[in-house]
C-alpha cells in the first residue's frame, strides 16, 4: 500500500508540473509577438525583455491619443487613437528606450536579446 501512495503522489506531482509548464504568463522571451498596453499615461509593462525577431505591439487602451517613438529613432508610430495599435519587429539585440511624445514622462524600455 505504501508503494501505491508513492506512485500516486509522483503522478500528482508530474501532473502539477505539466499544468504549471502550460501556464504561460507572457512575461519573458520566446514569444513571437508581445503586447504592451498604453493607457493612463503609462506603458504596461514599462520594461520588457524579448528575443530578436519578436514583434512588439502597442495597443492604446486609454481614452486619449498616444504614440511610441524609440529614442534611437528605430521606430516612430503615428498618434494612436483609443483602440488603435502599432507593431514593430525588432531584429537587432540591444536596449531600446522609448516614449510617448504627447505625454512628458511617459517612457518604456524594450531589451532585445
PDB file of N, CA and C in Angstrom:
ATOM      1  N   UNK A   1       0.816  -1.185   0.000  1.00  0.00           N
ATOM      2  CA  UNK A   1       0.000   0.000   0.000  1.00  0.00           C
ATOM      3  C   UNK A   1       0.867   1.259   0.000  1.00  0.00           C
ATOM      4  N   UNK A   2       1.966   1.232   0.697  1.00  0.00           N
ATOM      5  CA  UNK A   2       2.866   2.369   0.728  1.00  0.00           C
ATOM      6  C   UNK A   2       3.394   2.670  -0.666  1.00  0.00           C
ATOM      7  N   UNK A   3       3.654   1.642  -1.464  1.00  0.00           N
ATOM      8  CA  UNK A   3       4.149   1.813  -2.838  1.00  0.00           C
ATOM      9  C   UNK A   3       3.085   2.492  -3.706  1.00  0.00           C
ATOM     10  N   UNK A   4       1.847   2.168  -3.536  1.00  0.00           N
ATOM     11  CA  UNK A   4       0.763   2.767  -4.311  1.00  0.00           C
ATOM     12  C   UNK A   4       0.646   4.248  -3.984  1.00  0.00           C
ATOM     13  N   UNK A   5       0.751   4.607  -2.735  1.00  0.00           N
ATOM     14  CA  UNK A   5       0.669   6.006  -2.347  1.00  0.00           C
ATOM     15  C   UNK A   5       1.804   6.815  -2.973  1.00  0.00           C
ATOM     16  N   UNK A   6       3.013   6.278  -2.968  1.00  0.00           N
ATOM     17  CA  UNK A   6       4.143   6.989  -3.551  1.00  0.00           C
ATOM     18  C   UNK A   6       3.953   7.170  -5.055  1.00  0.00           C
ATOM     19  N   UNK A   7       3.459   6.147  -5.724  1.00  0.00           N
ATOM     20  CA  UNK A   7       3.209   6.258  -7.161  1.00  0.00           C
ATOM     21  C   UNK A   7       2.136   7.292  -7.432  1.00  0.00           C
ATOM     22  N   UNK A   8       1.083   7.279  -6.651  1.00  0.00           N
ATOM     23  CA  UNK A   8       0.020   8.270  -6.812  1.00  0.00           C
ATOM     24  C   UNK A   8       0.530   9.674  -6.576  1.00  0.00           C
ATOM     25  N   UNK A   9       1.394   9.846  -5.581  1.00  0.00           N
ATOM     26  CA  UNK A   9       1.971  11.158  -5.301  1.00  0.00           C
ATOM     27  C   UNK A   9       2.858  11.592  -6.458  1.00  0.00           C
ATOM     28  N   UNK A  10       3.644  10.678  -7.010  1.00  0.00           N
ATOM     29  CA  UNK A  10       4.513  11.016  -8.147  1.00  0.00           C
ATOM     30  C   UNK A  10       3.679  11.443  -9.344  1.00  0.00           C
ATOM     31  N   UNK A  11       2.594  10.764  -9.600  1.00  0.00           N
ATOM     32  CA  UNK A  11       1.712  11.129 -10.714  1.00  0.00           C
ATOM     33  C   UNK A  11       1.116  12.514 -10.468  1.00  0.00           C
ATOM     34  N   UNK A  12       0.704  12.790  -9.251  1.00  0.00           N
ATOM     35  CA  UNK A  12       0.128  14.101  -8.930  1.00  0.00           C
ATOM     36  C   UNK A  12       1.161  15.207  -9.110  1.00  0.00           C
ATOM     37  N   UNK A  13       2.381  14.970  -8.659  1.00  0.00           N
ATOM     38  CA  UNK A  13       3.443  15.977  -8.820  1.00  0.00           C
ATOM     39  C   UNK A  13       3.736  16.206 -10.287  1.00  0.00           C
ATOM     40  N   UNK A  14       3.793  15.134 -11.069  1.00  0.00           N
ATOM     41  CA  UNK A  14       4.031  15.259 -12.507  1.00  0.00           C
ATOM     42  C   UNK A  14       2.899  16.046 -13.174  1.00  0.00           C
ATOM     43  N   UNK A  15       1.670  15.784 -12.806  1.00  0.00           N
ATOM     44  CA  UNK A  15       0.527  16.484 -13.400  1.00  0.00           C
ATOM     45  C   UNK A  15       0.576  17.976 -13.052  1.00  0.00           C
ATOM     46  N   UNK A  16       0.913  18.290 -11.817  1.00  0.00           N
ATOM     47  CA  UNK A  16       1.013  19.703 -11.422  1.00  0.00           C
ATOM     48  C   UNK A  16       2.130  20.382 -12.203  1.00  0.00           C
ATOM     49  N   UNK A  17       3.252  19.703 -12.368  1.00  0.00           N
ATOM     50  CA  UNK A  17       4.365  20.264 -13.139  1.00  0.00           C
ATOM     51  C   UNK A  17       3.975  20.533 -14.581  1.00  0.00           C
ATOM     52  N   UNK A  18       3.246  19.611 -15.192  1.00  0.00           N
ATOM     53  CA  UNK A  18       2.809  19.807 -16.574  1.00  0.00           C
ATOM     54  C   UNK A  18       1.825  20.961 -16.686  1.00  0.00           C
ATOM     55  N   UNK A  19       0.917  21.081 -15.749  1.00  0.00           N
ATOM     56  CA  UNK A  19      -0.036  22.187 -15.775  1.00  0.00           C
ATOM     57  C   UNK A  19       0.663  23.517 -15.584  1.00  0.00           C
ATOM     58  N   UNK A  20       1.641  23.563 -14.701  1.00  0.00           N
ATOM     59  CA  UNK A  20       2.394  24.792 -14.474  1.00  0.00           C
ATOM     60  C   UNK A  20       3.174  25.167 -15.717  1.00  0.00           C
ATOM     61  N   UNK A  21       3.765  24.205 -16.396  1.00  0.00           N
ATOM     62  CA  UNK A  21       4.540  24.486 -17.609  1.00  0.00           C
ATOM     63  C   UNK A  21       3.650  25.026 -18.714  1.00  0.00           C
ATOM     64  N   UNK A  22       2.399  24.648 -18.725  1.00  0.00           N
ATOM     65  CA  UNK A  22       1.472  25.118 -19.759  1.00  0.00           C
ATOM     66  C   UNK A  22       0.921  26.498 -19.453  1.00  0.00           C
ATOM     67  N   UNK A  23       1.092  26.967 -18.229  1.00  0.00           N
ATOM     68  CA  UNK A  23       0.573  28.270 -17.827  1.00  0.00           C
ATOM     69  C   UNK A  23       1.559  29.354 -18.235  1.00  0.00           C
ATOM     70  N   UNK A  24       1.342  29.983 -19.390  1.00  0.00           N
ATOM     71  CA  UNK A  24       2.246  30.996 -19.918  1.00  0.00           C
ATOM     72  C   UNK A  24       1.794  32.368 -19.467  1.00  0.00           C
ATOM     73  N   UNK A  25       2.628  33.034 -18.652  1.00  0.00           N
ATOM     74  CA  UNK A  25       2.245  34.351 -18.175  1.00  0.00           C
ATOM     75  C   UNK A  25       2.737  35.454 -19.109  1.00  0.00           C
ATOM     76  N   UNK A  26       3.369  35.081 -20.231  1.00  0.00           N
ATOM     77  CA  UNK A  26       3.831  36.037 -21.249  1.00  0.00           C
ATOM     78  C   UNK A  26       4.753  37.101 -20.663  1.00  0.00           C
ATOM     79  N   UNK A  27       5.574  36.707 -19.701  1.00  0.00           N
ATOM     80  CA  UNK A  27       6.424  37.710 -19.074  1.00  0.00           C
ATOM     81  C   UNK A  27       7.862  37.673 -19.555  1.00  0.00           C
ATOM     82  N   UNK A  28       8.223  36.723 -20.371  1.00  0.00           N
ATOM     83  CA  UNK A  28       9.616  36.635 -20.770  1.00  0.00           C
ATOM     84  C   UNK A  28       9.781  36.443 -22.249  1.00  0.00           C
ATOM     85  N   UNK A  29      11.020  36.141 -22.654  1.00  0.00           N
ATOM     86  CA  UNK A  29      11.287  35.948 -24.073  1.00  0.00           C
ATOM     87  C   UNK A  29      10.646  34.677 -24.603  1.00  0.00           C
ATOM     88  N   UNK A  30      10.956  34.311 -25.827  1.00  0.00           N
ATOM     89  CA  UNK A  30      10.461  33.125 -26.521  1.00  0.00           C
ATOM     90  C   UNK A  30       9.023  33.272 -27.006  1.00  0.00           C
ATOM     91  N   UNK A  31       8.618  34.460 -27.331  1.00  0.00           N
ATOM     92  CA  UNK A  31       7.299  34.690 -27.902  1.00  0.00           C
ATOM     93  C   UNK A  31       7.481  35.371 -29.241  1.00  0.00           C
ATOM     94  N   UNK A  32       6.560  35.117 -30.176  1.00  0.00           N
ATOM     95  CA  UNK A  32       6.638  35.765 -31.483  1.00  0.00           C
ATOM     96  C   UNK A  32       6.149  37.202 -31.427  1.00  0.00           C
ATOM     97  N   UNK A  33       5.106  37.451 -30.632  1.00  0.00           N
ATOM     98  CA  UNK A  33       4.538  38.792 -30.502  1.00  0.00           C
ATOM     99  C   UNK A  33       4.243  39.049 -29.033  1.00  0.00           C
ATOM    100  N   UNK A  34       4.640  40.217 -28.559  1.00  0.00           N
ATOM    101  CA  UNK A  34       4.291  40.629 -27.202  1.00  0.00           C
ATOM    102  C   UNK A  34       3.481  41.913 -27.297  1.00  0.00           C
ATOM    103  N   UNK A  35       2.603  42.109 -26.349  1.00  0.00           N
ATOM    104  CA  UNK A  35       1.731  43.285 -26.359  1.00  0.00           C
ATOM    105  C   UNK A  35       2.035  44.174 -25.166  1.00  0.00           C
ATOM    106  N   UNK A  36       2.105  45.460 -25.430  1.00  0.00           N
ATOM    107  CA  UNK A  36       2.275  46.461 -24.386  1.00  0.00           C
ATOM    108  C   UNK A  36       1.022  47.328 -24.386  1.00  0.00           C
ATOM    109  N   UNK A  37       0.403  47.431 -23.236  1.00  0.00           N
ATOM    110  CA  UNK A  37      -0.801  48.238 -23.073  1.00  0.00           C
ATOM    111  C   UNK A  37      -0.412  49.700 -22.869  1.00  0.00           C
ATOM    112  N   UNK A  38      -1.115  50.583 -23.556  1.00  0.00           N
ATOM    113  CA  UNK A  38      -0.878  52.018 -23.441  1.00  0.00           C
ATOM    114  C   UNK A  38      -2.147  52.636 -22.861  1.00  0.00           C
ATOM    115  N   UNK A  39      -2.020  53.196 -21.641  1.00  0.00           N
ATOM    116  CA  UNK A  39      -3.181  53.823 -21.022  1.00  0.00           C
ATOM    117  C   UNK A  39      -2.763  54.636 -19.819  1.00  0.00           C
ATOM    118  N   UNK A  40      -3.581  55.569 -19.449  1.00  0.00           N
ATOM    119  CA  UNK A  40      -3.354  56.369 -18.245  1.00  0.00           C
ATOM    120  C   UNK A  40      -1.929  56.916 -18.190  1.00  0.00           C
ATOM    121  N   UNK A  41      -1.430  57.323 -19.343  1.00  0.00           N
ATOM    122  CA  UNK A  41      -0.096  57.916 -19.457  1.00  0.00           C
ATOM    123  C   UNK A  41       1.034  57.017 -18.960  1.00  0.00           C
ATOM    124  N   UNK A  42       0.890  55.702 -19.197  1.00  0.00           N
ATOM    125  CA  UNK A  42       1.990  54.786 -18.936  1.00  0.00           C
ATOM    126  C   UNK A  42       1.919  53.584 -19.863  1.00  0.00           C
ATOM    127  N   UNK A  43       3.036  52.914 -19.999  1.00  0.00           N
ATOM    128  CA  UNK A  43       3.139  51.686 -20.773  1.00  0.00           C
ATOM    129  C   UNK A  43       3.184  50.532 -19.774  1.00  0.00           C
ATOM    130  N   UNK A  44       2.404  49.497 -20.037  1.00  0.00           N
ATOM    131  CA  UNK A  44       2.380  48.328 -19.160  1.00  0.00           C
ATOM    132  C   UNK A  44       2.625  47.068 -19.957  1.00  0.00           C
ATOM    133  N   UNK A  45       3.698  46.321 -19.700  1.00  0.00           N
ATOM    134  CA  UNK A  45       4.717  46.650 -18.723  1.00  0.00           C
ATOM    135  C   UNK A  45       5.623  47.763 -19.233  1.00  0.00           C
ATOM    136  N   UNK A  46       6.243  48.476 -18.316  1.00  0.00           N
ATOM    137  CA  UNK A  46       7.125  49.584 -18.684  1.00  0.00           C
ATOM    138  C   UNK A  46       8.446  49.085 -19.245  1.00  0.00           C
ATOM    139  N   UNK A  47       8.861  47.870 -18.847  1.00  0.00           N
ATOM    140  CA  UNK A  47      10.075  47.260 -19.384  1.00  0.00           C
ATOM    141  C   UNK A  47       9.775  45.831 -19.785  1.00  0.00           C
ATOM    142  N   UNK A  48      10.321  45.429 -20.920  1.00  0.00           N
ATOM    143  CA  UNK A  48      10.048  44.093 -21.448  1.00  0.00           C
ATOM    144  C   UNK A  48      11.299  43.540 -22.099  1.00  0.00           C
ATOM    145  N   UNK A  49      11.639  42.294 -21.835  1.00  0.00           N
ATOM    146  CA  UNK A  49      12.751  41.616 -22.478  1.00  0.00           C
ATOM    147  C   UNK A  49      12.198  40.638 -23.494  1.00  0.00           C
ATOM    148  N   UNK A  50      12.743  40.679 -24.728  1.00  0.00           N
ATOM    149  CA  UNK A  50      12.269  39.820 -25.812  1.00  0.00           C
ATOM    150  C   UNK A  50      13.467  39.265 -26.570  1.00  0.00           C
ATOM    151  N   UNK A  51      13.224  38.246 -27.369  1.00  0.00           N
ATOM    152  CA  UNK A  51      14.241  37.696 -28.246  1.00  0.00           C
ATOM    153  C   UNK A  51      14.271  38.456 -29.552  1.00  0.00           C
ATOM    154  N   UNK A  52      15.418  38.414 -30.245  1.00  0.00           N
ATOM    155  CA  UNK A  52      15.498  39.016 -31.581  1.00  0.00           C
ATOM    156  C   UNK A  52      14.429  38.398 -32.468  1.00  0.00           C
ATOM    157  N   UNK A  53      13.844  39.227 -33.329  1.00  0.00           N
ATOM    158  CA  UNK A  53      12.793  38.767 -34.230  1.00  0.00           C
ATOM    159  C   UNK A  53      11.394  38.833 -33.650  1.00  0.00           C
ATOM    160  N   UNK A  54      11.269  39.267 -32.407  1.00  0.00           N
ATOM    161  CA  UNK A  54       9.962  39.392 -31.762  1.00  0.00           C
ATOM    162  C   UNK A  54       9.258  40.646 -32.259  1.00  0.00           C
ATOM    163  N   UNK A  55       7.968  40.521 -32.486  1.00  0.00           N
ATOM    164  CA  UNK A  55       7.152  41.679 -32.827  1.00  0.00           C
ATOM    165  C   UNK A  55       6.588  42.259 -31.537  1.00  0.00           C
ATOM    166  N   UNK A  56       6.787  43.552 -31.347  1.00  0.00           N
ATOM    167  CA  UNK A  56       6.238  44.254 -30.185  1.00  0.00           C
ATOM    168  C   UNK A  56       5.044  45.051 -30.665  1.00  0.00           C
ATOM    169  N   UNK A  57       3.928  44.874 -29.990  1.00  0.00           N
ATOM    170  CA  UNK A  57       2.660  45.520 -30.375  1.00  0.00           C
ATOM    171  C   UNK A  57       2.194  46.392 -29.220  1.00  0.00           C
ATOM    172  N   UNK A  58       2.023  47.685 -29.493  1.00  0.00           N
ATOM    173  CA  UNK A  58       1.474  48.621 -28.519  1.00  0.00           C
ATOM    174  C   UNK A  58      -0.002  48.799 -28.836  1.00  0.00           C
ATOM    175  N   UNK A  59      -0.864  48.671 -27.844  1.00  0.00           N
ATOM    176  CA  UNK A  59      -2.309  48.839 -28.014  1.00  0.00           C
ATOM    177  C   UNK A  59      -2.776  49.973 -27.112  1.00  0.00           C
ATOM    178  N   UNK A  60      -3.394  50.985 -27.717  1.00  0.00           N
ATOM    179  CA  UNK A  60      -3.908  52.098 -26.930  1.00  0.00           C
ATOM    180  C   UNK A  60      -5.228  51.684 -26.294  1.00  0.00           C
ATOM    181  N   UNK A  61      -5.172  51.406 -25.001  1.00  0.00           N
ATOM    182  CA  UNK A  61      -6.357  51.020 -24.238  1.00  0.00           C
ATOM    183  C   UNK A  61      -6.864  52.182 -23.385  1.00  0.00           C
ATOM    184  N   UNK A  62      -6.330  53.366 -23.643  1.00  0.00           N
ATOM    185  CA  UNK A  62      -6.725  54.539 -22.870  1.00  0.00           C
ATOM    186  C   UNK A  62      -7.832  55.327 -23.543  1.00  0.00           C
ATOM    187  N   UNK A  63      -8.052  56.540 -23.040  1.00  0.00           N
ATOM    188  CA  UNK A  63      -9.118  57.401 -23.546  1.00  0.00           C
ATOM    189  C   UNK A  63      -8.600  58.542 -24.404  1.00  0.00           C
ATOM    190  N   UNK A  64      -7.265  58.685 -24.513  1.00  0.00           N
ATOM    191  CA  UNK A  64      -6.678  59.755 -25.308  1.00  0.00           C
ATOM    192  C   UNK A  64      -5.653  59.175 -26.272  1.00  0.00           C
ATOM    193  N   UNK A  65      -5.246  59.980 -27.221  1.00  0.00           N
ATOM    194  CA  UNK A  65      -4.234  59.544 -28.195  1.00  0.00           C
ATOM    195  C   UNK A  65      -2.870  59.402 -27.523  1.00  0.00           C
ATOM    196  N   UNK A  66      -2.090  58.430 -28.018  1.00  0.00           N
ATOM    197  CA  UNK A  66      -0.719  58.195 -27.577  1.00  0.00           C
ATOM    198  C   UNK A  66       0.084  57.806 -28.808  1.00  0.00           C
ATOM    199  N   UNK A  67       1.409  57.792 -28.655  1.00  0.00           N
ATOM    200  CA  UNK A  67       2.272  57.263 -29.706  1.00  0.00           C
ATOM    201  C   UNK A  67       3.463  56.604 -29.039  1.00  0.00           C
ATOM    202  N   UNK A  68       4.341  56.045 -29.847  1.00  0.00           N
ATOM    203  CA  UNK A  68       5.562  55.450 -29.333  1.00  0.00           C
ATOM    204  C   UNK A  68       6.695  55.765 -30.305  1.00  0.00           C
ATOM    205  N   UNK A  69       7.802  56.303 -29.742  1.00  0.00           N
ATOM    206  CA  UNK A  69       8.962  56.644 -30.552  1.00  0.00           C
ATOM    207  C   UNK A  69      10.208  56.198 -29.817  1.00  0.00           C
ATOM    208  N   UNK A  70      11.040  55.404 -30.518  1.00  0.00           N
ATOM    209  CA  UNK A  70      12.298  54.966 -29.925  1.00  0.00           C
ATOM    210  C   UNK A  70      13.253  56.147 -29.832  1.00  0.00           C
ATOM    211  N   UNK A  71      13.959  56.242 -28.719  1.00  0.00           N
ATOM    212  CA  UNK A  71      14.916  57.336 -28.539  1.00  0.00           C
ATOM    213  C   UNK A  71      16.019  57.304 -29.592  1.00  0.00           C
ATOM    214  N   UNK A  72      16.331  56.105 -30.135  1.00  0.00           N
ATOM    215  CA  UNK A  72      17.363  55.986 -31.168  1.00  0.00           C
ATOM    216  C   UNK A  72      16.771  56.034 -32.586  1.00  0.00           C
ATOM    217  N   UNK A  73      15.497  56.420 -32.683  1.00  0.00           N
ATOM    218  CA  UNK A  73      14.772  56.527 -33.968  1.00  0.00           C
ATOM    219  C   UNK A  73      14.591  55.203 -34.697  1.00  0.00           C
ATOM    220  N   UNK A  74      14.628  54.076 -33.982  1.00  0.00           N
ATOM    221  CA  UNK A  74      14.396  52.768 -34.607  1.00  0.00           C
ATOM    222  C   UNK A  74      12.949  52.629 -35.082  1.00  0.00           C
ATOM    223  N   UNK A  75      12.038  53.350 -34.469  1.00  0.00           N
ATOM    224  CA  UNK A  75      10.638  53.375 -34.905  1.00  0.00           C
ATOM    225  C   UNK A  75       9.971  54.654 -34.431  1.00  0.00           C
ATOM    226  N   UNK A  76       8.896  54.990 -35.082  1.00  0.00           N
ATOM    227  CA  UNK A  76       8.036  56.120 -34.709  1.00  0.00           C
ATOM    228  C   UNK A  76       6.630  55.778 -35.174  1.00  0.00           C
ATOM    229  N   UNK A  77       5.713  55.652 -34.262  1.00  0.00           N
ATOM    230  CA  UNK A  77       4.328  55.388 -34.650  1.00  0.00           C
ATOM    231  C   UNK A  77       3.628  56.702 -34.945  1.00  0.00           C
ATOM    232  N   UNK A  78       2.517  56.609 -35.646  1.00  0.00           N
ATOM    233  CA  UNK A  78       1.607  57.741 -35.741  1.00  0.00           C
ATOM    234  C   UNK A  78       0.920  57.869 -34.385  1.00  0.00           C
ATOM    235  N   UNK A  79       0.149  58.940 -34.189  1.00  0.00           N
ATOM    236  CA  UNK A  79      -0.664  59.040 -32.989  1.00  0.00           C
ATOM    237  C   UNK A  79      -1.737  57.966 -33.072  1.00  0.00           C
ATOM    238  N   UNK A  80      -1.890  57.226 -31.992  1.00  0.00           N
ATOM    239  CA  UNK A  80      -2.840  56.125 -31.938  1.00  0.00           C
ATOM    240  C   UNK A  80      -4.078  56.555 -31.163  1.00  0.00           C
ATOM    241  N   UNK A  81      -5.213  56.547 -31.832  1.00  0.00           N
ATOM    242  CA  UNK A  81      -6.478  56.836 -31.159  1.00  0.00           C
ATOM    243  C   UNK A  81      -6.822  55.647 -30.260  1.00  0.00           C
ATOM    244  N   UNK A  82      -7.696  55.843 -29.275  1.00  0.00           N
ATOM    245  CA  UNK A  82      -8.115  54.716 -28.443  1.00  0.00           C
ATOM    246  C   UNK A  82      -8.559  53.536 -29.312  1.00  0.00           C
ATOM    247  N   UNK A  83      -8.031  52.356 -28.971  1.00  0.00           N
ATOM    248  CA  UNK A  83      -8.361  51.131 -29.703  1.00  0.00           C
ATOM    249  C   UNK A  83      -7.391  50.809 -30.831  1.00  0.00           C
ATOM    250  N   UNK A  84      -6.563  51.760 -31.249  1.00  0.00           N
ATOM    251  CA  UNK A  84      -5.617  51.503 -32.327  1.00  0.00           C
ATOM    252  C   UNK A  84      -4.332  50.886 -31.780  1.00  0.00           C
ATOM    253  N   UNK A  85      -3.562  50.264 -32.692  1.00  0.00           N
ATOM    254  CA  UNK A  85      -2.320  49.632 -32.285  1.00  0.00           C
ATOM    255  C   UNK A  85      -1.211  49.910 -33.295  1.00  0.00           C
ATOM    256  N   UNK A  86       0.007  49.620 -32.891  1.00  0.00           N
ATOM    257  CA  UNK A  86       1.201  49.802 -33.713  1.00  0.00           C
ATOM    258  C   UNK A  86       2.137  48.643 -33.414  1.00  0.00           C
ATOM    259  N   UNK A  87       2.786  48.097 -34.459  1.00  0.00           N
ATOM    260  CA  UNK A  87       3.708  46.979 -34.287  1.00  0.00           C
ATOM    261  C   UNK A  87       5.047  47.271 -34.927  1.00  0.00           C
ATOM    262  N   UNK A  88       6.107  46.722 -34.331  1.00  0.00           N
ATOM    263  CA  UNK A  88       7.442  46.766 -34.905  1.00  0.00           C
ATOM    264  C   UNK A  88       8.124  45.445 -34.559  1.00  0.00           C
ATOM    265  N   UNK A  89       8.863  44.884 -35.511  1.00  0.00           N
ATOM    266  CA  UNK A  89       9.626  43.665 -35.273  1.00  0.00           C
ATOM    267  C   UNK A  89      11.083  44.053 -35.058  1.00  0.00           C
ATOM    268  N   UNK A  90      11.629  43.628 -33.930  1.00  0.00           N
ATOM    269  CA  UNK A  90      12.981  44.031 -33.536  1.00  0.00           C
ATOM    270  C   UNK A  90      13.972  42.902 -33.828  1.00  0.00           C
ATOM    271  N   UNK A  91      14.889  43.153 -34.751  1.00  0.00           N
ATOM    272  CA  UNK A  91      15.850  42.145 -35.197  1.00  0.00           C
ATOM    273  C   UNK A  91      17.222  42.289 -34.561  1.00  0.00           C
ATOM    274  N   UNK A  92      17.529  43.461 -34.011  1.00  0.00           N
ATOM    275  CA  UNK A  92      18.866  43.741 -33.502  1.00  0.00           C
ATOM    276  C   UNK A  92      18.866  43.768 -31.981  1.00  0.00           C
ATOM    277  N   UNK A  93      19.787  43.010 -31.389  1.00  0.00           N
ATOM    278  CA  UNK A  93      19.901  42.977 -29.937  1.00  0.00           C
ATOM    279  C   UNK A  93      20.302  44.357 -29.410  1.00  0.00           C
ATOM    280  N   UNK A  94      19.809  44.686 -28.252  1.00  0.00           N
ATOM    281  CA  UNK A  94      20.145  45.958 -27.624  1.00  0.00           C
ATOM    282  C   UNK A  94      19.031  46.425 -26.720  1.00  0.00           C
ATOM    283  N   UNK A  95      19.222  47.596 -26.155  1.00  0.00           N
ATOM    284  CA  UNK A  95      18.223  48.214 -25.285  1.00  0.00           C
ATOM    285  C   UNK A  95      17.593  49.374 -26.033  1.00  0.00           C
ATOM    286  N   UNK A  96      16.282  49.356 -26.109  1.00  0.00           N
ATOM    287  CA  UNK A  96      15.520  50.382 -26.825  1.00  0.00           C
ATOM    288  C   UNK A  96      14.665  51.149 -25.824  1.00  0.00           C
ATOM    289  N   UNK A  97      15.090  52.339 -25.478  1.00  0.00           N
ATOM    290  CA  UNK A  97      14.264  53.212 -24.654  1.00  0.00           C
ATOM    291  C   UNK A  97      13.313  53.953 -25.588  1.00  0.00           C
ATOM    292  N   UNK A  98      12.084  54.161 -25.146  1.00  0.00           N
ATOM    293  CA  UNK A  98      11.088  54.817 -25.991  1.00  0.00           C
ATOM    294  C   UNK A  98      10.171  55.677 -25.138  1.00  0.00           C
ATOM    295  N   UNK A  99       9.395  56.515 -25.810  1.00  0.00           N
ATOM    296  CA  UNK A  99       8.499  57.435 -25.102  1.00  0.00           C
ATOM    297  C   UNK A  99       7.278  57.742 -25.956  1.00  0.00           C
ATOM    298  N   UNK A 100       6.255  58.234 -25.303  1.00  0.00           N
ATOM    299  CA  UNK A 100       5.123  58.853 -25.978  1.00  0.00           C
ATOM    300  C   UNK A 100       5.464  60.334 -26.059  1.00  0.00           C
ATOM    301  N   UNK A 101       5.556  60.852 -27.261  1.00  0.00           N
ATOM    302  CA  UNK A 101       5.943  62.258 -27.422  1.00  0.00           C
ATOM    303  C   UNK A 101       4.816  63.213 -27.054  1.00  0.00           C
ATOM    304  N   UNK A 102       3.624  62.697 -26.826  1.00  0.00           N
ATOM    305  CA  UNK A 102       2.486  63.540 -26.457  1.00  0.00           C
ATOM    306  C   UNK A 102       2.383  63.771 -24.949  1.00  0.00           C
ATOM    307  N   UNK A 103       3.054  62.916 -24.164  1.00  0.00           N
ATOM    308  CA  UNK A 103       2.907  62.980 -22.709  1.00  0.00           C
ATOM    309  C   UNK A 103       4.280  62.882 -22.042  1.00  0.00           C
ATOM    310  N   UNK A 104       4.743  63.991 -21.508  1.00  0.00           N
ATOM    311  CA  UNK A 104       6.047  64.047 -20.847  1.00  0.00           C
ATOM    312  C   UNK A 104       6.123  63.023 -19.718  1.00  0.00           C
ATOM    313  N   UNK A 105       7.220  62.312 -19.667  1.00  0.00           N
ATOM    314  CA  UNK A 105       7.442  61.330 -18.602  1.00  0.00           C
ATOM    315  C   UNK A 105       6.871  59.958 -18.911  1.00  0.00           C
ATOM    316  N   UNK A 106       6.201  59.800 -20.029  1.00  0.00           N
ATOM    317  CA  UNK A 106       5.622  58.508 -20.399  1.00  0.00           C
ATOM    318  C   UNK A 106       6.676  57.742 -21.193  1.00  0.00           C
ATOM    319  N   UNK A 107       7.379  56.812 -20.509  1.00  0.00           N
ATOM    320  CA  UNK A 107       8.507  56.130 -21.122  1.00  0.00           C
ATOM    321  C   UNK A 107       8.431  54.624 -20.913  1.00  0.00           C
ATOM    322  N   UNK A 108       9.215  53.916 -21.716  1.00  0.00           N
ATOM    323  CA  UNK A 108       9.311  52.475 -21.592  1.00  0.00           C
ATOM    324  C   UNK A 108      10.650  51.997 -22.112  1.00  0.00           C
ATOM    325  N   UNK A 109      10.884  50.697 -21.985  1.00  0.00           N
ATOM    326  CA  UNK A 109      12.141  50.106 -22.428  1.00  0.00           C
ATOM    327  C   UNK A 109      11.890  48.693 -22.927  1.00  0.00           C
ATOM    328  N   UNK A 110      12.478  48.397 -24.094  1.00  0.00           N
ATOM    329  CA  UNK A 110      12.482  47.033 -24.637  1.00  0.00           C
ATOM    330  C   UNK A 110      13.934  46.572 -24.661  1.00  0.00           C
ATOM    331  N   UNK A 111      14.198  45.409 -24.093  1.00  0.00           N
ATOM    332  CA  UNK A 111      15.543  44.818 -24.146  1.00  0.00           C
ATOM    333  C   UNK A 111      15.452  43.618 -25.079  1.00  0.00           C
ATOM    334  N   UNK A 112      16.231  43.666 -26.167  1.00  0.00           N
ATOM    335  CA  UNK A 112      16.227  42.590 -27.155  1.00  0.00           C
ATOM    336  C   UNK A 112      17.485  41.762 -26.962  1.00  0.00           C
ATOM    337  N   UNK A 113      17.339  40.455 -26.755  1.00  0.00           N
ATOM    338  CA  UNK A 113      18.475  39.566 -26.556  1.00  0.00           C
ATOM    339  C   UNK A 113      18.769  38.778 -27.815  1.00  0.00           C
TER     340      UNK A 113
END
